[in-house]
Amino acid sequence: MRLYNRFATDLEIVCKIDGEKVSVGLYNLSCGGCMIEKSGTVFEEGQDVQVALNPKITVPGKIVWCVEKNAGIKFDIPLHQKVVEHFGYQDEHFDRDDPRDRFGIPLIEIRAHASGAFD
């Protein structure tokens, strides 16, 4: 069970990994950590990381897992929930008169078929 909610992101940020600046993709973010992605970069568990979310917010942490081009970072000090929400995707407005999934496909047609109500 996770301690913090994760928010998906699609930001490009700068991290210092063992003192070397690297531009990475921020895949997701929570109060306790994040997942970064970088092709051609070799991550190693235990490396010290400084995650620069923007010029004013830098969070220290460590790489706790790595798989190919992805790495999970655990922050030394948790971020405030409002900071995480600011950088993560915001919930889209749900129109009850025209419900659609996140790809814009109408849900009403799907609901009728999914419930077994075929003509």
PDB file of N, CA and C in Angstrom:
ATOM      1  N   MET A   1       0.840  -1.183   0.000  1.00  0.00           N
ATOM      2  CA  MET A   1       0.000   0.000   0.000  1.00  0.00           C
ATOM      3  C   MET A   1       0.887   1.250   0.000  1.00  0.00           C
ATOM      4  N   ARG A   2       0.523   2.212  -0.809  1.00  0.00           N
ATOM      5  CA  ARG A   2       1.295   3.449  -0.926  1.00  0.00           C
ATOM      6  C   ARG A   2       0.882   4.439   0.152  1.00  0.00           C
ATOM      7  N   LEU A   3       1.847   5.222   0.618  1.00  0.00           N
ATOM      8  CA  LEU A   3       1.570   6.240   1.619  1.00  0.00           C
ATOM      9  C   LEU A   3       0.960   7.494   1.011  1.00  0.00           C
ATOM     10  N   TYR A   4       1.286   7.769  -0.265  1.00  0.00           N
ATOM     11  CA  TYR A   4       0.863   9.018  -0.908  1.00  0.00           C
ATOM     12  C   TYR A   4       0.204   8.741  -2.255  1.00  0.00           C
ATOM     13  N   ASN A   5      -0.725   9.610  -2.639  1.00  0.00           N
ATOM     14  CA  ASN A   5      -1.327   9.532  -3.962  1.00  0.00           C
ATOM     15  C   ASN A   5      -0.328   9.994  -5.005  1.00  0.00           C
ATOM     16  N   ARG A   6      -0.335   9.312  -6.146  1.00  0.00           N
ATOM     17  CA  ARG A   6       0.539   9.698  -7.252  1.00  0.00           C
ATOM     18  C   ARG A   6      -0.268  10.483  -8.277  1.00  0.00           C
ATOM     19  N   PHE A   7       0.385  11.458  -8.879  1.00  0.00           N
ATOM     20  CA  PHE A   7      -0.229  12.245  -9.939  1.00  0.00           C
ATOM     21  C   PHE A   7       0.614  12.089 -11.196  1.00  0.00           C
ATOM     22  N   ALA A   8      -0.040  11.782 -12.311  1.00  0.00           N
ATOM     23  CA  ALA A   8       0.668  11.679 -13.590  1.00  0.00           C
ATOM     24  C   ALA A   8       1.120  13.064 -14.026  1.00  0.00           C
ATOM     25  N   THR A   9       2.282  13.130 -14.644  1.00  0.00           N
ATOM     26  CA  THR A   9       2.805  14.393 -15.168  1.00  0.00           C
ATOM     27  C   THR A   9       3.414  14.133 -16.538  1.00  0.00           C
ATOM     28  N   ASP A  10       3.699  15.190 -17.251  1.00  0.00           N
ATOM     29  CA  ASP A  10       4.409  15.061 -18.522  1.00  0.00           C
ATOM     30  C   ASP A  10       5.410  16.204 -18.658  1.00  0.00           C
ATOM     31  N   LEU A  11       6.081  16.496 -17.564  1.00  0.00           N
ATOM     32  CA  LEU A  11       7.028  17.616 -17.527  1.00  0.00           C
ATOM     33  C   LEU A  11       8.442  17.156 -17.858  1.00  0.00           C
ATOM     34  N   GLU A  12       9.215  18.065 -18.407  1.00  0.00           N
ATOM     35  CA  GLU A  12      10.642  17.829 -18.543  1.00  0.00           C
ATOM     36  C   GLU A  12      11.321  18.685 -17.485  1.00  0.00           C
ATOM     37  N   ILE A  13      12.130  18.055 -16.652  1.00  0.00           N
ATOM     38  CA  ILE A  13      12.779  18.747 -15.543  1.00  0.00           C
ATOM     39  C   ILE A  13      14.280  18.459 -15.572  1.00  0.00           C
ATOM     40  N   VAL A  14      15.000  19.129 -14.699  1.00  0.00           N
ATOM     41  CA  VAL A  14      16.436  18.890 -14.555  1.00  0.00           C
ATOM     42  C   VAL A  14      16.675  18.247 -13.190  1.00  0.00           C
ATOM     43  N   CYS A  15      17.474  17.201 -13.191  1.00  0.00           N
ATOM     44  CA  CYS A  15      17.896  16.549 -11.954  1.00  0.00           C
ATOM     45  C   CYS A  15      19.412  16.581 -11.888  1.00  0.00           C
ATOM     46  N   LYS A  16      19.921  16.642 -10.684  1.00  0.00           N
ATOM     47  CA  LYS A  16      21.347  16.424 -10.464  1.00  0.00           C
ATOM     48  C   LYS A  16      21.457  15.023  -9.895  1.00  0.00           C
ATOM     49  N   ILE A  17      22.133  14.147 -10.641  1.00  0.00           N
ATOM     50  CA  ILE A  17      22.310  12.764 -10.199  1.00  0.00           C
ATOM     51  C   ILE A  17      23.787  12.576  -9.917  1.00  0.00           C
ATOM     52  N   ASP A  18      24.111  12.369  -8.642  1.00  0.00           N
ATOM     53  CA  ASP A  18      25.508  12.304  -8.193  1.00  0.00           C
ATOM     54  C   ASP A  18      26.304  13.499  -8.708  1.00  0.00           C
ATOM     55  N   GLY A  19      25.672  14.691  -8.669  1.00  0.00           N
ATOM     56  CA  GLY A  19      26.341  15.930  -9.040  1.00  0.00           C
ATOM     57  C   GLY A  19      26.284  16.299 -10.508  1.00  0.00           C
ATOM     58  N   GLU A  20      25.822  15.398 -11.376  1.00  0.00           N
ATOM     59  CA  GLU A  20      25.758  15.673 -12.816  1.00  0.00           C
ATOM     60  C   GLU A  20      24.339  16.073 -13.214  1.00  0.00           C
ATOM     61  N   LYS A  21      24.200  17.232 -13.911  1.00  0.00           N
ATOM     62  CA  LYS A  21      22.880  17.695 -14.357  1.00  0.00           C
ATOM     63  C   LYS A  21      22.401  16.861 -15.545  1.00  0.00           C
ATOM     64  N   VAL A  22      21.140  16.401 -15.427  1.00  0.00           N
ATOM     65  CA  VAL A  22      20.542  15.580 -16.470  1.00  0.00           C
ATOM     66  C   VAL A  22      19.116  16.061 -16.696  1.00  0.00           C
ATOM     67  N   SER A  23      18.730  16.261 -17.942  1.00  0.00           N
ATOM     68  CA  SER A  23      17.355  16.600 -18.283  1.00  0.00           C
ATOM     69  C   SER A  23      16.570  15.296 -18.398  1.00  0.00           C
ATOM     70  N   VAL A  24      15.470  15.185 -17.642  1.00  0.00           N
ATOM     71  CA  VAL A  24      14.689  13.944 -17.600  1.00  0.00           C
ATOM     72  C   VAL A  24      13.207  14.253 -17.758  1.00  0.00           C
ATOM     73  N   GLY A  25      12.450  13.235 -18.104  1.00  0.00           N
ATOM     74  CA  GLY A  25      11.003  13.338 -18.109  1.00  0.00           C
ATOM     75  C   GLY A  25      10.481  12.953 -16.733  1.00  0.00           C
ATOM     76  N   LEU A  26       9.587  13.760 -16.192  1.00  0.00           N
ATOM     77  CA  LEU A  26       8.950  13.448 -14.907  1.00  0.00           C
ATOM     78  C   LEU A  26       7.662  12.716 -15.228  1.00  0.00           C
ATOM     79  N   TYR A  27       7.619  11.420 -14.946  1.00  0.00           N
ATOM     80  CA  TYR A  27       6.501  10.560 -15.329  1.00  0.00           C
ATOM     81  C   TYR A  27       5.345  10.671 -14.345  1.00  0.00           C
ATOM     82  N   ASN A  28       5.663  10.658 -13.049  1.00  0.00           N
ATOM     83  CA  ASN A  28       4.631  10.864 -12.025  1.00  0.00           C
ATOM     84  C   ASN A  28       5.278  11.456 -10.782  1.00  0.00           C
ATOM     85  N   LEU A  29       4.413  11.971  -9.882  1.00  0.00           N
ATOM     86  CA  LEU A  29       4.903  12.683  -8.704  1.00  0.00           C
ATOM     87  C   LEU A  29       3.973  12.428  -7.540  1.00  0.00           C
ATOM     88  N   SER A  30       4.542  12.219  -6.369  1.00  0.00           N
ATOM     89  CA  SER A  30       3.773  12.114  -5.127  1.00  0.00           C
ATOM     90  C   SER A  30       4.521  12.901  -4.056  1.00  0.00           C
ATOM     91  N   CYS A  31       3.933  12.992  -2.884  1.00  0.00           N
ATOM     92  CA  CYS A  31       4.602  13.699  -1.786  1.00  0.00           C
ATOM     93  C   CYS A  31       5.909  13.013  -1.404  1.00  0.00           C
ATOM     94  N   GLY A  32       5.966  11.698  -1.552  1.00  0.00           N
ATOM     95  CA  GLY A  32       7.125  10.941  -1.109  1.00  0.00           C
ATOM     96  C   GLY A  32       8.164  10.636  -2.156  1.00  0.00           C
ATOM     97  N   GLY A  33       7.851  10.889  -3.444  1.00  0.00           N
ATOM     98  CA  GLY A  33       8.812  10.563  -4.475  1.00  0.00           C
ATOM     99  C   GLY A  33       8.266  10.788  -5.864  1.00  0.00           C
ATOM    100  N   CYS A  34       9.018  10.267  -6.846  1.00  0.00           N
ATOM    101  CA  CYS A  34       8.599  10.438  -8.237  1.00  0.00           C
ATOM    102  C   CYS A  34       9.236   9.356  -9.086  1.00  0.00           C
ATOM    103  N   MET A  35       8.793   9.312 -10.342  1.00  0.00           N
ATOM    104  CA  MET A  35       9.409   8.431 -11.324  1.00  0.00           C
ATOM    105  C   MET A  35       9.920   9.301 -12.456  1.00  0.00           C
ATOM    106  N   ILE A  36      11.187   9.089 -12.815  1.00  0.00           N
ATOM    107  CA  ILE A  36      11.782   9.836 -13.922  1.00  0.00           C
ATOM    108  C   ILE A  36      12.129   8.875 -15.048  1.00  0.00           C
ATOM    109  N   GLU A  37      12.319   9.449 -16.230  1.00  0.00           N
ATOM    110  CA  GLU A  37      12.600   8.651 -17.413  1.00  0.00           C
ATOM    111  C   GLU A  37      13.624   9.385 -18.281  1.00  0.00           C
ATOM    112  N   LYS A  38      14.622   8.638 -18.765  1.00  0.00           N
ATOM    113  CA  LYS A  38      15.632   9.238 -19.639  1.00  0.00           C
ATOM    114  C   LYS A  38      16.268   8.150 -20.491  1.00  0.00           C
ATOM    115  N   SER A  39      16.107   8.252 -21.800  1.00  0.00           N
ATOM    116  CA  SER A  39      16.759   7.305 -22.704  1.00  0.00           C
ATOM    117  C   SER A  39      18.260   7.546 -22.694  1.00  0.00           C
ATOM    118  N   GLY A  40      19.017   6.471 -22.778  1.00  0.00           N
ATOM    119  CA  GLY A  40      20.466   6.592 -22.866  1.00  0.00           C
ATOM    120  C   GLY A  40      21.164   6.880 -21.550  1.00  0.00           C
ATOM    121  N   THR A  41      20.416   6.953 -20.454  1.00  0.00           N
ATOM    122  CA  THR A  41      21.013   7.216 -19.144  1.00  0.00           C
ATOM    123  C   THR A  41      20.956   5.944 -18.314  1.00  0.00           C
ATOM    124  N   VAL A  42      22.043   5.637 -17.649  1.00  0.00           N
ATOM    125  CA  VAL A  42      22.081   4.469 -16.776  1.00  0.00           C
ATOM    126  C   VAL A  42      21.889   4.940 -15.337  1.00  0.00           C
ATOM    127  N   PHE A  43      20.784   4.543 -14.739  1.00  0.00           N
ATOM    128  CA  PHE A  43      20.523   4.860 -13.341  1.00  0.00           C
ATOM    129  C   PHE A  43      21.027   3.712 -12.471  1.00  0.00           C
ATOM    130  N   GLU A  44      21.412   4.049 -11.250  1.00  0.00           N
ATOM    131  CA  GLU A  44      21.831   3.024 -10.296  1.00  0.00           C
ATOM    132  C   GLU A  44      21.154   3.274  -8.964  1.00  0.00           C
ATOM    133  N   GLU A  45      20.684   2.200  -8.345  1.00  0.00           N
ATOM    134  CA  GLU A  45      20.067   2.327  -7.024  1.00  0.00           C
ATOM    135  C   GLU A  45      21.069   2.938  -6.051  1.00  0.00           C
ATOM    136  N   GLY A  46      20.559   3.826  -5.206  1.00  0.00           N
ATOM    137  CA  GLY A  46      21.395   4.448  -4.193  1.00  0.00           C
ATOM    138  C   GLY A  46      22.006   5.781  -4.598  1.00  0.00           C
ATOM    139  N   GLN A  47      21.910   6.143  -5.884  1.00  0.00           N
ATOM    140  CA  GLN A  47      22.473   7.425  -6.313  1.00  0.00           C
ATOM    141  C   GLN A  47      21.702   8.577  -5.661  1.00  0.00           C
ATOM    142  N   ASP A  48      22.442   9.609  -5.246  1.00  0.00           N
ATOM    143  CA  ASP A  48      21.825  10.825  -4.717  1.00  0.00           C
ATOM    144  C   ASP A  48      21.265  11.643  -5.869  1.00  0.00           C
ATOM    145  N   VAL A  49      20.082  12.220  -5.639  1.00  0.00           N
ATOM    146  CA  VAL A  49      19.402  12.987  -6.678  1.00  0.00           C
ATOM    147  C   VAL A  49      18.879  14.291  -6.092  1.00  0.00           C
ATOM    148  N   GLN A  50      18.984  15.359  -6.861  1.00  0.00           N
ATOM    149  CA  GLN A  50      18.336  16.636  -6.561  1.00  0.00           C
ATOM    150  C   GLN A  50      17.313  16.845  -7.677  1.00  0.00           C
ATOM    151  N   VAL A  51      16.032  16.785  -7.365  1.00  0.00           N
ATOM    152  CA  VAL A  51      14.972  16.939  -8.354  1.00  0.00           C
ATOM    153  C   VAL A  51      14.542  18.402  -8.366  1.00  0.00           C
ATOM    154  N   ALA A  52      14.777  19.094  -9.489  1.00  0.00           N
ATOM    155  CA  ALA A  52      14.396  20.503  -9.623  1.00  0.00           C
ATOM    156  C   ALA A  52      13.064  20.576 -10.365  1.00  0.00           C
ATOM    157  N   LEU A  53      11.973  20.705  -9.598  1.00  0.00           N
ATOM    158  CA  LEU A  53      10.647  20.796 -10.218  1.00  0.00           C
ATOM    159  C   LEU A  53      10.475  22.109 -10.962  1.00  0.00           C
ATOM    160  N   ASN A  54      11.085  23.150 -10.450  1.00  0.00           N
ATOM    161  CA  ASN A  54      11.178  24.453 -11.116  1.00  0.00           C
ATOM    162  C   ASN A  54      12.350  25.176 -10.467  1.00  0.00           C
ATOM    163  N   PRO A  55      12.671  26.398 -10.884  1.00  0.00           N
ATOM    164  CA  PRO A  55      13.849  27.071 -10.303  1.00  0.00           C
ATOM    165  C   PRO A  55      13.772  27.304  -8.788  1.00  0.00           C
ATOM    166  N   LYS A  56      12.579  27.297  -8.219  1.00  0.00           N
ATOM    167  CA  LYS A  56      12.441  27.563  -6.781  1.00  0.00           C
ATOM    168  C   LYS A  56      12.188  26.325  -5.930  1.00  0.00           C
ATOM    169  N   ILE A  57      11.875  25.196  -6.563  1.00  0.00           N
ATOM    170  CA  ILE A  57      11.567  23.980  -5.803  1.00  0.00           C
ATOM    171  C   ILE A  57      12.514  22.860  -6.220  1.00  0.00           C
ATOM    172  N   THR A  58      13.457  22.545  -5.338  1.00  0.00           N
ATOM    173  CA  THR A  58      14.388  21.441  -5.538  1.00  0.00           C
ATOM    174  C   THR A  58      14.278  20.505  -4.345  1.00  0.00           C
ATOM    175  N   VAL A  59      14.136  19.220  -4.641  1.00  0.00           N
ATOM    176  CA  VAL A  59      13.910  18.230  -3.589  1.00  0.00           C
ATOM    177  C   VAL A  59      15.022  17.184  -3.627  1.00  0.00           C
ATOM    178  N   PRO A  60      15.688  16.953  -2.487  1.00  0.00           N
ATOM    179  CA  PRO A  60      16.717  15.913  -2.452  1.00  0.00           C
ATOM    180  C   PRO A  60      16.098  14.534  -2.266  1.00  0.00           C
ATOM    181  N   GLY A  61      16.761  13.525  -2.831  1.00  0.00           N
ATOM    182  CA  GLY A  61      16.278  12.161  -2.681  1.00  0.00           C
ATOM    183  C   GLY A  61      17.318  11.161  -3.122  1.00  0.00           C
ATOM    184  N   LYS A  62      16.873   9.900  -3.221  1.00  0.00           N
ATOM    185  CA  LYS A  62      17.743   8.803  -3.660  1.00  0.00           C
ATOM    186  C   LYS A  62      16.982   7.934  -4.648  1.00  0.00           C
ATOM    187  N   ILE A  63      17.713   7.361  -5.598  1.00  0.00           N
ATOM    188  CA  ILE A  63      17.111   6.390  -6.506  1.00  0.00           C
ATOM    189  C   ILE A  63      16.944   5.085  -5.734  1.00  0.00           C
ATOM    190  N   VAL A  64      15.703   4.598  -5.674  1.00  0.00           N
ATOM    191  CA  VAL A  64      15.420   3.381  -4.913  1.00  0.00           C
ATOM    192  C   VAL A  64      15.147   2.182  -5.812  1.00  0.00           C
ATOM    193  N   TRP A  65      14.865   2.415  -7.080  1.00  0.00           N
ATOM    194  CA  TRP A  65      14.736   1.331  -8.053  1.00  0.00           C
ATOM    195  C   TRP A  65      15.004   1.886  -9.443  1.00  0.00           C
ATOM    196  N   CYS A  66      15.421   1.013 -10.347  1.00  0.00           N
ATOM    197  CA  CYS A  66      15.614   1.419 -11.738  1.00  0.00           C
ATOM    198  C   CYS A  66      15.348   0.222 -12.649  1.00  0.00           C
ATOM    199  N   VAL A  67      14.660   0.506 -13.744  1.00  0.00           N
ATOM    200  CA  VAL A  67      14.367  -0.489 -14.772  1.00  0.00           C
ATOM    201  C   VAL A  67      14.554   0.195 -16.115  1.00  0.00           C
ATOM    202  N   GLU A  68      15.561  -0.258 -16.857  1.00  0.00           N
ATOM    203  CA  GLU A  68      15.903   0.311 -18.155  1.00  0.00           C
ATOM    204  C   GLU A  68      16.044   1.824 -18.072  1.00  0.00           C
ATOM    205  N   LYS A  69      15.184   2.580 -18.749  1.00  0.00           N
ATOM    206  CA  LYS A  69      15.317   4.046 -18.783  1.00  0.00           C
ATOM    207  C   LYS A  69      14.531   4.749 -17.680  1.00  0.00           C
ATOM    208  N   ASN A  70      13.935   4.008 -16.766  1.00  0.00           N
ATOM    209  CA  ASN A  70      13.114   4.575 -15.698  1.00  0.00           C
ATOM    210  C   ASN A  70      13.765   4.394 -14.333  1.00  0.00           C
ATOM    211  N   ALA A  71      13.481   5.358 -13.441  1.00  0.00           N
ATOM    212  CA  ALA A  71      14.002   5.269 -12.074  1.00  0.00           C
ATOM    213  C   ALA A  71      12.971   5.833 -11.100  1.00  0.00           C
ATOM    214  N   GLY A  72      12.874   5.186  -9.946  1.00  0.00           N
ATOM    215  CA  GLY A  72      12.019   5.669  -8.873  1.00  0.00           C
ATOM    216  C   GLY A  72      12.853   6.389  -7.842  1.00  0.00           C
ATOM    217  N   ILE A  73      12.389   7.570  -7.449  1.00  0.00           N
ATOM    218  CA  ILE A  73      13.118   8.381  -6.481  1.00  0.00           C
ATOM    219  C   ILE A  73      12.287   8.543  -5.227  1.00  0.00           C
ATOM    220  N   LYS A  74      12.920   8.304  -4.084  1.00  0.00           N
ATOM    221  CA  LYS A  74      12.287   8.560  -2.777  1.00  0.00           C
ATOM    222  C   LYS A  74      12.870   9.859  -2.252  1.00  0.00           C
ATOM    223  N   PHE A  75      11.978  10.808  -1.950  1.00  0.00           N
ATOM    224  CA  PHE A  75      12.432  12.093  -1.441  1.00  0.00           C
ATOM    225  C   PHE A  75      12.887  11.970   0.007  1.00  0.00           C
ATOM    226  N   ASP A  76      13.930  12.745   0.370  1.00  0.00           N
ATOM    227  CA  ASP A  76      14.399  12.775   1.756  1.00  0.00           C
ATOM    228  C   ASP A  76      13.377  13.473   2.659  1.00  0.00           C
ATOM    229  N   ILE A  77      12.712  14.485   2.097  1.00  0.00           N
ATOM    230  CA  ILE A  77      11.703  15.263   2.826  1.00  0.00           C
ATOM    231  C   ILE A  77      10.446  15.293   1.962  1.00  0.00           C
ATOM    232  N   PRO A  78       9.296  14.847   2.476  1.00  0.00           N
ATOM    233  CA  PRO A  78       8.080  14.837   1.655  1.00  0.00           C
ATOM    234  C   PRO A  78       7.668  16.238   1.202  1.00  0.00           C
ATOM    235  N   LEU A  79       7.130  16.291  -0.025  1.00  0.00           N
ATOM    236  CA  LEU A  79       6.562  17.528  -0.551  1.00  0.00           C
ATOM    237  C   LEU A  79       5.175  17.746   0.035  1.00  0.00           C
ATOM    238  N   HIS A  80       4.739  18.983   0.095  1.00  0.00           N
ATOM    239  CA  HIS A  80       3.380  19.298   0.519  1.00  0.00           C
ATOM    240  C   HIS A  80       2.417  18.845  -0.579  1.00  0.00           C
ATOM    241  N   GLN A  81       1.256  18.335  -0.198  1.00  0.00           N
ATOM    242  CA  GLN A  81       0.267  17.831  -1.144  1.00  0.00           C
ATOM    243  C   GLN A  81      -0.119  18.879  -2.196  1.00  0.00           C
ATOM    244  N   LYS A  82      -0.236  20.133  -1.810  1.00  0.00           N
ATOM    245  CA  LYS A  82      -0.620  21.193  -2.755  1.00  0.00           C
ATOM    246  C   LYS A  82       0.442  21.402  -3.833  1.00  0.00           C
ATOM    247  N   VAL A  83       1.707  21.214  -3.482  1.00  0.00           N
ATOM    248  CA  VAL A  83       2.782  21.327  -4.471  1.00  0.00           C
ATOM    249  C   VAL A  83       2.638  20.203  -5.490  1.00  0.00           C
ATOM    250  N   VAL A  84       2.390  19.001  -5.011  1.00  0.00           N
ATOM    251  CA  VAL A  84       2.226  17.843  -5.892  1.00  0.00           C
ATOM    252  C   VAL A  84       1.030  18.047  -6.814  1.00  0.00           C
ATOM    253  N   GLU A  85      -0.087  18.495  -6.272  1.00  0.00           N
ATOM    254  CA  GLU A  85      -1.286  18.728  -7.075  1.00  0.00           C
ATOM    255  C   GLU A  85      -1.038  19.786  -8.146  1.00  0.00           C
ATOM    256  N   HIS A  86      -0.228  20.780  -7.832  1.00  0.00           N
ATOM    257  CA  HIS A  86       0.089  21.838  -8.802  1.00  0.00           C
ATOM    258  C   HIS A  86       0.792  21.281 -10.041  1.00  0.00           C
ATOM    259  N   PHE A  87       1.700  20.343  -9.846  1.00  0.00           N
ATOM    260  CA  PHE A  87       2.469  19.801 -10.960  1.00  0.00           C
ATOM    261  C   PHE A  87       1.769  18.644 -11.666  1.00  0.00           C
ATOM    262  N   GLY A  88       0.831  17.974 -11.004  1.00  0.00           N
ATOM    263  CA  GLY A  88       0.133  16.836 -11.609  1.00  0.00           C
ATOM    264  C   GLY A  88      -1.035  17.279 -12.468  1.00  0.00           C
ATOM    265  N   TYR A  89      -1.559  16.330 -13.233  1.00  0.00           N
ATOM    266  CA  TYR A  89      -2.738  16.607 -14.050  1.00  0.00           C
ATOM    267  C   TYR A  89      -3.906  16.963 -13.146  1.00  0.00           C
ATOM    268  N   GLN A  90      -4.725  17.883 -13.609  1.00  0.00           N
ATOM    269  CA  GLN A  90      -5.922  18.258 -12.861  1.00  0.00           C
ATOM    270  C   GLN A  90      -7.094  17.436 -13.386  1.00  0.00           C
ATOM    271  N   ASP A  91      -8.053  17.147 -12.499  1.00  0.00           N
ATOM    272  CA  ASP A  91      -9.258  16.443 -12.927  1.00  0.00           C
ATOM    273  C   ASP A  91     -10.000  17.276 -13.951  1.00  0.00           C
ATOM    274  N   GLU A  92     -10.465  16.610 -15.012  1.00  0.00           N
ATOM    275  CA  GLU A  92     -11.243  17.308 -16.016  1.00  0.00           C
ATOM    276  C   GLU A  92     -12.687  17.408 -15.558  1.00  0.00           C
ATOM    277  N   HIS A  93     -13.371  18.439 -16.027  1.00  0.00           N
ATOM    278  CA  HIS A  93     -14.777  18.628 -15.686  1.00  0.00           C
ATOM    279  C   HIS A  93     -15.590  17.503 -16.319  1.00  0.00           C
ATOM    280  N   PHE A  94     -16.457  16.874 -15.554  1.00  0.00           N
ATOM    281  CA  PHE A  94     -17.287  15.783 -16.036  1.00  0.00           C
ATOM    282  C   PHE A  94     -18.660  16.330 -16.373  1.00  0.00           C
ATOM    283  N   ASP A  95     -19.046  16.256 -17.641  1.00  0.00           N
ATOM    284  CA  ASP A  95     -20.335  16.742 -18.103  1.00  0.00           C
ATOM    285  C   ASP A  95     -21.350  15.610 -17.987  1.00  0.00           C
ATOM    286  N   ARG A  96     -22.287  15.721 -17.049  1.00  0.00           N
ATOM    287  CA  ARG A  96     -23.262  14.656 -16.815  1.00  0.00           C
ATOM    288  C   ARG A  96     -24.224  14.472 -17.988  1.00  0.00           C
ATOM    289  N   ASP A  97     -24.431  15.514 -18.805  1.00  0.00           N
ATOM    290  CA  ASP A  97     -25.327  15.402 -19.956  1.00  0.00           C
ATOM    291  C   ASP A  97     -24.639  14.770 -21.165  1.00  0.00           C
ATOM    292  N   ASP A  98     -23.328  14.767 -21.180  1.00  0.00           N
ATOM    293  CA  ASP A  98     -22.563  14.195 -22.286  1.00  0.00           C
ATOM    294  C   ASP A  98     -21.308  13.520 -21.738  1.00  0.00           C
ATOM    295  N   PRO A  99     -21.483  12.443 -20.939  1.00  0.00           N
ATOM    296  CA  PRO A  99     -20.313  11.807 -20.317  1.00  0.00           C
ATOM    297  C   PRO A  99     -19.415  11.138 -21.356  1.00  0.00           C
ATOM    298  N   ARG A 100     -18.118  11.406 -21.228  1.00  0.00           N
ATOM    299  CA  ARG A 100     -17.116  10.834 -22.134  1.00  0.00           C
ATOM    300  C   ARG A 100     -15.912  10.392 -21.313  1.00  0.00           C
ATOM    301  N   ASP A 101     -15.174   9.420 -21.853  1.00  0.00           N
ATOM    302  CA  ASP A 101     -13.941   9.018 -21.179  1.00  0.00           C
ATOM    303  C   ASP A 101     -12.853  10.029 -21.507  1.00  0.00           C
ATOM    304  N   ARG A 102     -11.632   9.780 -21.030  1.00  0.00           N
ATOM    305  CA  ARG A 102     -10.562  10.763 -21.213  1.00  0.00           C
ATOM    306  C   ARG A 102     -10.115  10.885 -22.665  1.00  0.00           C
ATOM    307  N   PHE A 103     -10.581   9.967 -23.536  1.00  0.00           N
ATOM    308  CA  PHE A 103     -10.251  10.047 -24.951  1.00  0.00           C
ATOM    309  C   PHE A 103     -11.366  10.697 -25.766  1.00  0.00           C
ATOM    310  N   GLY A 104     -12.455  11.106 -25.080  1.00  0.00           N
ATOM    311  CA  GLY A 104     -13.565  11.761 -25.755  1.00  0.00           C
ATOM    312  C   GLY A 104     -14.615  10.815 -26.297  1.00  0.00           C
ATOM    313  N   ILE A 105     -14.531   9.534 -25.967  1.00  0.00           N
ATOM    314  CA  ILE A 105     -15.508   8.556 -26.446  1.00  0.00           C
ATOM    315  C   ILE A 105     -16.731   8.592 -25.539  1.00  0.00           C
ATOM    316  N   PRO A 106     -17.935   8.716 -26.123  1.00  0.00           N
ATOM    317  CA  PRO A 106     -19.154   8.777 -25.310  1.00  0.00           C
ATOM    318  C   PRO A 106     -19.320   7.520 -24.454  1.00  0.00           C
ATOM    319  N   LEU A 107     -19.683   7.706 -23.197  1.00  0.00           N
ATOM    320  CA  LEU A 107     -19.855   6.578 -22.274  1.00  0.00           C
ATOM    321  C   LEU A 107     -21.258   5.990 -22.327  1.00  0.00           C
ATOM    322  N   ILE A 108     -22.229   6.717 -22.804  1.00  0.00           N
ATOM    323  CA  ILE A 108     -23.606   6.231 -22.822  1.00  0.00           C
ATOM    324  C   ILE A 108     -23.719   5.002 -23.708  1.00  0.00           C
ATOM    325  N   GLU A 109     -23.128   5.025 -24.901  1.00  0.00           N
ATOM    326  CA  GLU A 109     -23.187   3.871 -25.789  1.00  0.00           C
ATOM    327  C   GLU A 109     -22.483   2.679 -25.168  1.00  0.00           C
ATOM    328  N   ILE A 110     -21.370   2.910 -24.519  1.00  0.00           N
ATOM    329  CA  ILE A 110     -20.615   1.834 -23.888  1.00  0.00           C
ATOM    330  C   ILE A 110     -21.414   1.222 -22.748  1.00  0.00           C
ATOM    331  N   ARG A 111     -22.065   2.076 -21.946  1.00  0.00           N
ATOM    332  CA  ARG A 111     -22.848   1.591 -20.821  1.00  0.00           C
ATOM    333  C   ARG A 111     -23.935   0.640 -21.254  1.00  0.00           C
ATOM    334  N   ALA A 112     -24.652   0.947 -22.333  1.00  0.00           N
ATOM    335  CA  ALA A 112     -25.746   0.104 -22.799  1.00  0.00           C
ATOM    336  C   ALA A 112     -25.220  -1.280 -23.211  1.00  0.00           C
ATOM    337  N   HIS A 113     -24.130  -1.320 -23.918  1.00  0.00           N
ATOM    338  CA  HIS A 113     -23.560  -2.605 -24.346  1.00  0.00           C
ATOM    339  C   HIS A 113     -22.927  -3.354 -23.186  1.00  0.00           C
ATOM    340  N   ALA A 114     -22.280  -2.631 -22.292  1.00  0.00           N
ATOM    341  CA  ALA A 114     -21.601  -3.281 -21.169  1.00  0.00           C
ATOM    342  C   ALA A 114     -22.592  -3.920 -20.214  1.00  0.00           C
ATOM    343  N   SER A 115     -23.801  -3.374 -20.118  1.00  0.00           N
ATOM    344  CA  SER A 115     -24.777  -3.923 -19.185  1.00  0.00           C
ATOM    345  C   SER A 115     -25.533  -5.099 -19.780  1.00  0.00           C
ATOM    346  N   GLY A 116     -25.249  -5.451 -21.052  1.00  0.00           N
ATOM    347  CA  GLY A 116     -25.918  -6.582 -21.680  1.00  0.00           C
ATOM    348  C   GLY A 116     -27.213  -6.204 -22.357  1.00  0.00           C
ATOM    349  N   ALA A 117     -27.506  -4.906 -22.475  1.00  0.00           N
ATOM    350  CA  ALA A 117     -28.746  -4.450 -23.070  1.00  0.00           C
ATOM    351  C   ALA A 117     -28.576  -4.285 -24.577  1.00  0.00           C
ATOM    352  N   PHE A 118     -28.612  -5.403 -25.310  1.00  0.00           N
ATOM    353  CA  PHE A 118     -28.479  -5.351 -26.753  1.00  0.00           C
ATOM    354  C   PHE A 118     -29.851  -5.399 -27.395  1.00  0.00           C
ATOM    355  N   ASP A 119     -30.000  -4.755 -28.542  1.00  0.00           N
ATOM    356  CA  ASP A 119     -31.293  -4.751 -29.254  1.00  0.00           C
ATOM    357  C   ASP A 119     -31.480  -6.033 -30.028  1.00  0.00           C
TER     358      ASP A 119
END
